[in-house]
Amino acid sequence: MVIKTDLCSFSEWRIYPGHGRRFVAKDGRLFYYLNQKSRAFSARKIKSQEIQWTVAWRRLNKKIKTDEGAKKRRIRNLKVQRAIVGISLEEIRRRRKEDDKTRKAQAEQAAREIKDRKQKQIEAQKKKPATAQKVAQKAEVKAQQKAQKGAAKTNKAKK
């Protein structure tokens, strides 16, 4: 036959049927006390770890063997790779697999391409001296127009 027992809220001893008292706090929590001694210590807010005859003190001072072999197994979180805005997941994986040699080769190739582009721009600017001539011609035309406007103003002033 199985007898339903409760644990004392202070001493953690077993309370058999017909023994002990229940205490309901204002917030609705239930406390079970084995005897008046446990109830009084709890009412005085004394920690059960400080009283030698309690199970909590015996556990704290290693007088009772606790089951540490039954630790909970933690499920390890698996790292999930996600794509970043602007680069796909396949591209990220491909870049991770690359070694340093290929990265250096790609960087050198990119640098060469940039140098070639700059060189072409410089050559194109050297080939286009005509643009400088056009700018000079425009400046001359503007100067002539100003001179004509100035002459027109002086003619009006004479009349």
Protein backbone atom coordinates (compact mmCIF):
# COMPACT_ATOMS: atom_id res chain seq x y z
CA MET A 1 0.00 0.00 0.00
CA VAL A 2 1.32 3.42 -1.00
CA ILE A 3 1.05 6.21 1.54
CA LYS A 4 0.93 9.75 0.19
CA THR A 5 3.50 11.88 1.95
CA ASP A 6 4.43 15.54 1.60
CA LEU A 7 7.76 17.24 2.23
CA CYS A 8 8.19 19.82 4.96
CA SER A 9 8.80 23.22 3.35
CA PHE A 10 11.51 24.03 5.89
CA SER A 11 13.26 20.81 6.91
CA GLU A 12 12.41 18.71 3.81
CA TRP A 13 11.50 15.76 6.04
CA ARG A 14 8.54 13.55 5.10
CA ILE A 15 5.14 14.43 6.53
CA TYR A 16 2.89 11.40 6.91
CA PRO A 17 -0.93 11.59 6.91
CA GLY A 18 -2.35 13.02 10.13
CA HIS A 19 0.80 15.00 10.93
CA GLY A 20 1.97 18.50 10.19
CA ARG A 21 0.22 21.68 9.19
CA ARG A 22 -0.50 23.54 5.97
CA PHE A 23 0.04 27.26 5.76
CA VAL A 24 -1.38 29.39 2.94
CA ALA A 25 0.45 32.69 2.43
CA LYS A 26 -1.27 35.90 1.30
CA ASP A 27 -0.05 35.37 -2.25
CA GLY A 28 -1.63 31.89 -2.33
CA ARG A 29 1.51 29.76 -1.95
CA LEU A 30 1.14 26.57 0.12
CA PHE A 31 3.68 25.64 2.78
CA TYR A 32 3.72 22.30 4.62
CA TYR A 33 5.36 22.16 8.05
CA LEU A 34 6.19 18.96 9.94
CA ASN A 35 6.00 20.54 13.41
CA GLN A 36 5.89 23.81 15.33
CA LYS A 37 9.69 24.04 15.38
CA SER A 38 9.87 24.12 11.56
CA ARG A 39 7.02 26.59 11.39
CA ALA A 40 8.67 28.94 13.89
CA PHE A 41 12.05 28.88 12.08
CA SER A 42 10.32 29.59 8.77
CA ALA A 43 8.26 32.43 10.30
CA ARG A 44 11.50 33.99 11.60
CA LYS A 45 12.86 33.75 8.03
CA ILE A 46 15.84 31.66 9.06
CA LYS A 47 17.50 29.77 6.24
CA SER A 48 17.19 26.02 6.49
CA GLN A 49 20.82 25.65 5.34
CA GLU A 50 21.93 27.19 8.65
CA ILE A 51 20.11 24.65 10.87
CA GLN A 52 22.04 21.38 11.26
CA TRP A 53 19.13 18.96 11.56
CA THR A 54 17.57 19.97 8.22
CA VAL A 55 18.11 18.09 4.98
CA ALA A 56 19.24 21.34 3.30
CA TRP A 57 22.14 21.71 5.77
CA ARG A 58 23.12 18.06 5.35
CA ARG A 59 23.07 18.42 1.56
CA LEU A 60 25.09 21.68 1.69
CA ASN A 61 27.74 20.13 3.96
CA LYS A 62 27.90 16.92 1.91
CA LYS A 63 26.54 14.62 4.60
CA ILE A 64 23.98 13.27 2.11
CA LYS A 65 24.91 11.86 -1.25
CA THR A 66 23.10 13.68 -4.01
CA ASP A 67 22.50 12.22 -7.45
CA GLU A 68 24.96 14.14 -9.58
CA GLY A 69 25.20 11.29 -12.09
CA ALA A 70 21.70 12.08 -13.30
CA LYS A 71 22.60 15.37 -14.93
CA LYS A 72 20.37 16.60 -17.67
CA ARG A 73 21.75 16.20 -21.13
CA ARG A 74 21.93 19.41 -23.02
CA ILE A 75 21.03 19.49 -26.65
CA ARG A 76 23.74 21.37 -28.45
CA ASN A 77 22.58 24.02 -30.82
CA LEU A 78 23.63 23.40 -34.37
CA LYS A 79 25.09 26.33 -36.25
CA VAL A 80 22.92 27.24 -39.18
CA GLN A 81 24.42 29.22 -42.01
CA ARG A 82 22.27 31.90 -43.54
CA ALA A 83 22.73 34.05 -46.57
CA ILE A 84 23.64 37.69 -46.06
CA VAL A 85 22.04 40.47 -48.05
CA GLY A 86 24.08 40.89 -51.21
CA ILE A 87 25.73 37.45 -51.11
CA SER A 88 24.18 34.02 -51.45
CA LEU A 89 24.77 31.01 -49.22
CA GLU A 90 26.56 29.15 -52.02
CA GLU A 91 28.93 32.08 -52.47
CA ILE A 92 29.72 32.10 -48.73
CA ARG A 93 30.46 28.38 -48.77
CA ARG A 94 32.61 28.73 -51.90
CA ARG A 95 34.64 31.51 -50.28
CA ARG A 96 35.18 29.46 -47.13
CA LYS A 97 36.56 26.56 -49.15
CA GLU A 98 39.05 28.79 -50.99
CA ASP A 99 42.65 28.70 -49.83
CA ASP A 100 45.00 31.66 -49.42
CA LYS A 101 46.74 31.14 -52.77
CA THR A 102 43.56 31.51 -54.79
CA ARG A 103 42.51 34.55 -52.75
CA LYS A 104 45.89 36.22 -53.36
CA ALA A 105 45.71 35.41 -57.05
CA GLN A 106 42.23 36.92 -57.31
CA ALA A 107 43.33 40.04 -55.42
CA GLU A 108 46.36 40.48 -57.73
CA GLN A 109 44.18 40.02 -60.80
CA ALA A 110 41.70 42.64 -59.53
CA ALA A 111 44.60 45.04 -58.83
CA ARG A 112 45.94 44.49 -62.36
CA GLU A 113 42.52 45.21 -63.85
CA ILE A 114 42.26 48.45 -61.87
CA LYS A 115 45.73 49.52 -63.02
CA ASP A 116 44.84 48.73 -66.63
CA ARG A 117 41.65 50.81 -66.39
CA LYS A 118 43.53 53.77 -64.93
CA GLN A 119 46.20 53.46 -67.61
CA LYS A 120 43.53 53.48 -70.33
CA GLN A 121 41.95 56.59 -68.81
CA ILE A 122 45.30 58.39 -68.76
CA GLU A 123 45.97 57.43 -72.39
CA ALA A 124 42.49 58.57 -73.40
CA GLN A 125 43.09 61.95 -71.77
CA LYS A 126 46.42 62.31 -73.61
CA LYS A 127 44.71 61.51 -76.92
CA LYS A 128 42.02 64.15 -76.38
CA PRO A 129 43.86 67.47 -76.47
CA ALA A 130 41.04 68.59 -78.72
CA THR A 131 38.83 68.96 -75.66
CA ALA A 132 41.26 71.55 -74.31
CA GLN A 133 41.11 73.33 -77.65
CA LYS A 134 37.31 73.29 -77.54
CA VAL A 135 37.37 74.84 -74.05
CA ALA A 136 39.70 77.56 -75.31
CA GLN A 137 37.47 78.22 -78.33
CA LYS A 138 34.41 78.54 -76.08
CA ALA A 139 36.27 81.01 -73.90
CA GLU A 140 37.17 83.07 -76.99
CA VAL A 141 33.56 83.05 -78.21
CA LYS A 142 32.33 84.24 -74.80
CA ALA A 143 34.92 87.01 -74.79
CA GLN A 144 33.77 88.13 -78.25
CA GLN A 145 30.14 88.11 -77.13
CA LYS A 146 30.97 90.24 -74.10
CA ALA A 147 32.87 92.65 -76.29
CA GLN A 148 29.89 92.93 -78.64
CA LYS A 149 27.51 93.57 -75.72
CA GLY A 150 29.85 96.21 -74.35
CA ALA A 151 30.01 97.90 -77.75
CA ALA A 152 26.20 97.84 -78.03
CA LYS A 153 25.86 99.53 -74.62
CA THR A 154 28.28 102.29 -75.60
CA ASN A 155 26.36 102.89 -78.86
CA LYS A 156 23.08 103.27 -76.93
CA ALA A 157 24.69 105.65 -74.50
CA LYS A 158 25.91 107.89 -77.42
CA LYS A 159 22.43 108.10 -78.94
